[in-house]
Structure formats: structure tokens, C-alpha cells
Amino acid sequence: MLCQIADITNGVISLFASGRLSTKDYCQQIAPIIEEYQTQSGKTCIYIEADVLLEGWESQSLSGVGEIQLPSFDALVLVGGPDWFGNAVRLMGPFMQGEVAWYALEDKPQAIEWITAKLSCPLTR
């Protein structure tokens, strides 16, 4: 499940992830939110908090059937999640088009500070 939560700060798309993430959740709920933010501000900063119950993604999302393509973003911070989540972010981060960071749940204030600072940085695209 991937759902929108109250914004952690104005201008940051704030999401919560738990269980198995689906293509349907992303395409029908999250993609329109991201497109709206991009239209309004020209900048896309995303905060995703995950709980320890995060299992991963539906297999068809990764196999090319119903594949998800992340929209371009300026900054993405991922917070919490199971042990493997931080390692996956560190592994995939260099291959993403925007700045990416991961913080443990107990470091949530630092994660919010990091993503908030990205709002005031000049666009890098």
C-alpha cells in the first residue's frame, strides 16, 4: 500500500508505504499527485516513510508488465522501513535522476530537514 499522508512541510509530497506496493496504487493515486505538484511548483520533492511491514513491489511492476517509471524528481528521501530498505536505497540511489537519501525512522527529524532544504536549492535539471 502506498498512500498520501499530511505534508511534512509545504511543497513536499508526503507518502506512507507498507505491505506490498502495487502498480495500481502508484498509477491511480500517486502519479496524479506528483504531476499536480510539478505543475504548481516546477519542483518535485518527495518524502516516503515506510514501516517495518514493507514487503516490496508486486512482481509485475519489476518484470516489465505494468512497469512503473518514476517521474523526474529533484529530491527523494525515504525514511524507516525494514533493514533491507536502506540498503536498496543506497544501491539504487546513484542510478536515479534526482538526489536520494535514506534515514532510519529514529532520524526522521534529519530526513525532514534534508528534504526541506532541497526546496530552497536551485533546480538542477
C-alpha atoms as a PDB file:
ATOM      1  CA  MET A   1       0.000   0.000   0.000  1.00  0.00           C
ATOM      2  CA  LEU A   2       1.257   3.444  -0.917  1.00  0.00           C
ATOM      3  CA  CYS A   3      -0.816   6.407   0.217  1.00  0.00           C
ATOM      4  CA  GLN A   4      -0.577  10.135   0.663  1.00  0.00           C
ATOM      5  CA  ILE A   5      -0.212  11.461   4.222  1.00  0.00           C
ATOM      6  CA  ALA A   6      -0.320  15.003   5.595  1.00  0.00           C
ATOM      7  CA  ASP A   7       2.557  17.014   4.114  1.00  0.00           C
ATOM      8  CA  ILE A   8       5.587  17.055   6.406  1.00  0.00           C
ATOM      9  CA  THR A   9       6.214  20.568   5.124  1.00  0.00           C
ATOM     10  CA  ASN A  10       4.597  22.749   2.481  1.00  0.00           C
ATOM     11  CA  GLY A  11       5.694  21.771  -1.016  1.00  0.00           C
ATOM     12  CA  VAL A  12       6.881  18.232  -0.207  1.00  0.00           C
ATOM     13  CA  ILE A  13       4.830  15.281  -1.453  1.00  0.00           C
ATOM     14  CA  SER A  14       4.464  13.095   1.630  1.00  0.00           C
ATOM     15  CA  LEU A  15       3.684   9.393   1.311  1.00  0.00           C
ATOM     16  CA  PHE A  16       3.487   6.283   3.506  1.00  0.00           C
ATOM     17  CA  ALA A  17       4.441   2.798   2.330  1.00  0.00           C
ATOM     18  CA  SER A  18       3.537  -0.541   3.897  1.00  0.00           C
ATOM     19  CA  GLY A  19       2.983  -4.118   2.753  1.00  0.00           C
ATOM     20  CA  ARG A  20       3.361  -4.839  -0.961  1.00  0.00           C
ATOM     21  CA  LEU A  21       3.376  -1.788  -3.230  1.00  0.00           C
ATOM     22  CA  SER A  22       1.179  -2.084  -6.294  1.00  0.00           C
ATOM     23  CA  THR A  23       1.253  -0.605  -9.764  1.00  0.00           C
ATOM     24  CA  LYS A  24      -2.409   0.343  -9.314  1.00  0.00           C
ATOM     25  CA  ASP A  25      -1.686   2.347  -6.127  1.00  0.00           C
ATOM     26  CA  TYR A  26       1.036   4.253  -7.909  1.00  0.00           C
ATOM     27  CA  CYS A  27      -0.728   4.895 -11.225  1.00  0.00           C
ATOM     28  CA  GLN A  28      -4.149   5.812  -9.835  1.00  0.00           C
ATOM     29  CA  GLN A  29      -3.254   7.605  -6.619  1.00  0.00           C
ATOM     30  CA  ILE A  30       0.340   8.781  -6.539  1.00  0.00           C
ATOM     31  CA  ALA A  31       1.196   9.714 -10.144  1.00  0.00           C
ATOM     32  CA  PRO A  32      -1.595  12.342 -10.341  1.00  0.00           C
ATOM     33  CA  ILE A  33      -0.370  13.932  -7.080  1.00  0.00           C
ATOM     34  CA  ILE A  34       3.196  14.125  -8.406  1.00  0.00           C
ATOM     35  CA  GLU A  35       2.013  15.635 -11.700  1.00  0.00           C
ATOM     36  CA  GLU A  36      -0.027  18.252  -9.819  1.00  0.00           C
ATOM     37  CA  TYR A  37       2.951  19.274  -7.651  1.00  0.00           C
ATOM     38  CA  GLN A  38       5.199  19.506 -10.728  1.00  0.00           C
ATOM     39  CA  THR A  39       2.676  21.763 -12.461  1.00  0.00           C
ATOM     40  CA  GLN A  40       2.232  24.023  -9.432  1.00  0.00           C
ATOM     41  CA  SER A  41       5.818  24.432  -8.284  1.00  0.00           C
ATOM     42  CA  GLY A  42       8.089  23.189 -11.042  1.00  0.00           C
ATOM     43  CA  LYS A  43      10.000  21.306  -8.369  1.00  0.00           C
ATOM     44  CA  THR A  44       9.325  17.824  -7.063  1.00  0.00           C
ATOM     45  CA  CYS A  45      10.493  16.810  -3.608  1.00  0.00           C
ATOM     46  CA  ILE A  46       9.154  13.519  -2.254  1.00  0.00           C
ATOM     47  CA  TYR A  47       9.151  12.129   1.301  1.00  0.00           C
ATOM     48  CA  ILE A  48       8.287   8.431   1.738  1.00  0.00           C
ATOM     49  CA  GLU A  49       8.023   6.918   5.192  1.00  0.00           C
ATOM     50  CA  ALA A  50       7.872   3.118   5.372  1.00  0.00           C
ATOM     51  CA  ASP A  51       7.034   0.804   8.225  1.00  0.00           C
ATOM     52  CA  VAL A  52       8.775  -2.490   9.000  1.00  0.00           C
ATOM     53  CA  LEU A  53       5.945  -4.356   7.255  1.00  0.00           C
ATOM     54  CA  LEU A  54       7.074  -3.102   3.828  1.00  0.00           C
ATOM     55  CA  GLU A  55       7.486  -6.226   1.683  1.00  0.00           C
ATOM     56  CA  GLY A  56       8.479  -4.704  -1.639  1.00  0.00           C
ATOM     57  CA  TRP A  57       6.811  -4.317  -5.016  1.00  0.00           C
ATOM     58  CA  GLU A  58       4.427  -6.503  -6.996  1.00  0.00           C
ATOM     59  CA  SER A  59       6.483  -8.682  -9.316  1.00  0.00           C
ATOM     60  CA  GLN A  60       4.775  -7.406 -12.486  1.00  0.00           C
ATOM     61  CA  SER A  61       5.912  -3.872 -11.597  1.00  0.00           C
ATOM     62  CA  LEU A  62       9.510  -5.032 -11.915  1.00  0.00           C
ATOM     63  CA  SER A  63       9.157  -7.502 -14.772  1.00  0.00           C
ATOM     64  CA  GLY A  64       8.020  -5.107 -17.485  1.00  0.00           C
ATOM     65  CA  VAL A  65       4.292  -5.957 -17.267  1.00  0.00           C
ATOM     66  CA  GLY A  66       2.576  -2.879 -15.865  1.00  0.00           C
ATOM     67  CA  GLU A  67       6.026  -1.458 -15.241  1.00  0.00           C
ATOM     68  CA  ILE A  68       6.309   1.689 -13.146  1.00  0.00           C
ATOM     69  CA  GLN A  69       8.516   4.528 -14.305  1.00  0.00           C
ATOM     70  CA  LEU A  70       9.236   7.082 -11.626  1.00  0.00           C
ATOM     71  CA  PRO A  71       8.630  10.621 -12.836  1.00  0.00           C
ATOM     72  CA  SER A  72      11.537  13.007 -12.751  1.00  0.00           C
ATOM     73  CA  PHE A  73      12.084  14.454  -9.308  1.00  0.00           C
ATOM     74  CA  ASP A  74      14.528  16.820  -7.676  1.00  0.00           C
ATOM     75  CA  ALA A  75      14.867  15.082  -4.313  1.00  0.00           C
ATOM     76  CA  LEU A  76      13.527  11.904  -2.716  1.00  0.00           C
ATOM     77  CA  VAL A  77      14.000  10.928   0.917  1.00  0.00           C
ATOM     78  CA  LEU A  78      12.996   7.526   2.230  1.00  0.00           C
ATOM     79  CA  VAL A  79      12.562   7.031   5.968  1.00  0.00           C
ATOM     80  CA  GLY A  80      12.356   3.846   8.034  1.00  0.00           C
ATOM     81  CA  GLY A  81      11.287   0.501   6.660  1.00  0.00           C
ATOM     82  CA  PRO A  82      12.802  -2.945   7.180  1.00  0.00           C
ATOM     83  CA  ASP A  83      16.576  -3.478   7.244  1.00  0.00           C
ATOM     84  CA  TRP A  84      16.817  -4.236   3.514  1.00  0.00           C
ATOM     85  CA  PHE A  85      15.128  -0.956   2.562  1.00  0.00           C
ATOM     86  CA  GLY A  86      18.066   1.307   3.435  1.00  0.00           C
ATOM     87  CA  ASN A  87      20.464  -0.982   1.574  1.00  0.00           C
ATOM     88  CA  ALA A  88      18.250  -0.942  -1.520  1.00  0.00           C
ATOM     89  CA  VAL A  89      18.122   2.864  -1.467  1.00  0.00           C
ATOM     90  CA  ARG A  90      21.911   3.107  -1.150  1.00  0.00           C
ATOM     91  CA  LEU A  91      22.330   0.641  -4.014  1.00  0.00           C
ATOM     92  CA  MET A  92      19.816   2.242  -6.412  1.00  0.00           C
ATOM     93  CA  GLY A  93      20.268   5.908  -5.413  1.00  0.00           C
ATOM     94  CA  PRO A  94      23.187   6.637  -7.774  1.00  0.00           C
ATOM     95  CA  PHE A  95      21.091   5.422 -10.723  1.00  0.00           C
ATOM     96  CA  MET A  96      18.190   7.802 -10.072  1.00  0.00           C
ATOM     97  CA  GLN A  97      17.826  11.172 -11.784  1.00  0.00           C
ATOM     98  CA  GLY A  98      17.380  13.237  -8.590  1.00  0.00           C
ATOM     99  CA  GLU A  99      19.047  13.381  -5.205  1.00  0.00           C
ATOM    100  CA  VAL A 100      18.136  10.422  -2.990  1.00  0.00           C
ATOM    101  CA  ALA A 101      18.683   9.826   0.723  1.00  0.00           C
ATOM    102  CA  TRP A 102      17.625   7.261   3.315  1.00  0.00           C
ATOM    103  CA  TYR A 103      17.247   7.799   7.062  1.00  0.00           C
ATOM    104  CA  ALA A 104      16.351   5.404   9.859  1.00  0.00           C
ATOM    105  CA  LEU A 105      12.976   6.134  11.473  1.00  0.00           C
ATOM    106  CA  GLU A 106      14.656   7.495  14.603  1.00  0.00           C
ATOM    107  CA  ASP A 107      16.389  10.053  12.359  1.00  0.00           C
ATOM    108  CA  LYS A 108      13.108  11.343  10.902  1.00  0.00           C
ATOM    109  CA  PRO A 109      13.786  14.973  12.004  1.00  0.00           C
ATOM    110  CA  GLN A 110      17.044  14.944   9.987  1.00  0.00           C
ATOM    111  CA  ALA A 111      15.211  13.484   6.985  1.00  0.00           C
ATOM    112  CA  ILE A 112      12.631  16.270   7.138  1.00  0.00           C
ATOM    113  CA  GLU A 113      15.422  18.845   7.433  1.00  0.00           C
ATOM    114  CA  TRP A 114      17.225  17.318   4.410  1.00  0.00           C
ATOM    115  CA  ILE A 115      14.167  17.323   2.118  1.00  0.00           C
ATOM    116  CA  THR A 116      13.054  20.784   3.286  1.00  0.00           C
ATOM    117  CA  ALA A 117      16.493  22.176   2.378  1.00  0.00           C
ATOM    118  CA  LYS A 118      16.068  20.776  -1.141  1.00  0.00           C
ATOM    119  CA  LEU A 119      13.018  23.004  -1.666  1.00  0.00           C
ATOM    120  CA  SER A 120      15.179  26.100  -1.497  1.00  0.00           C
ATOM    121  CA  CYS A 121      18.003  24.753  -3.696  1.00  0.00           C
ATOM    122  CA  PRO A 122      18.095  25.861  -7.333  1.00  0.00           C
ATOM    123  CA  LEU A 123      16.730  23.399  -9.879  1.00  0.00           C
ATOM    124  CA  THR A 124      19.458  21.093 -11.140  1.00  0.00           C
ATOM    125  CA  ARG A 125      17.814  19.842 -14.337  1.00  0.00           C
END
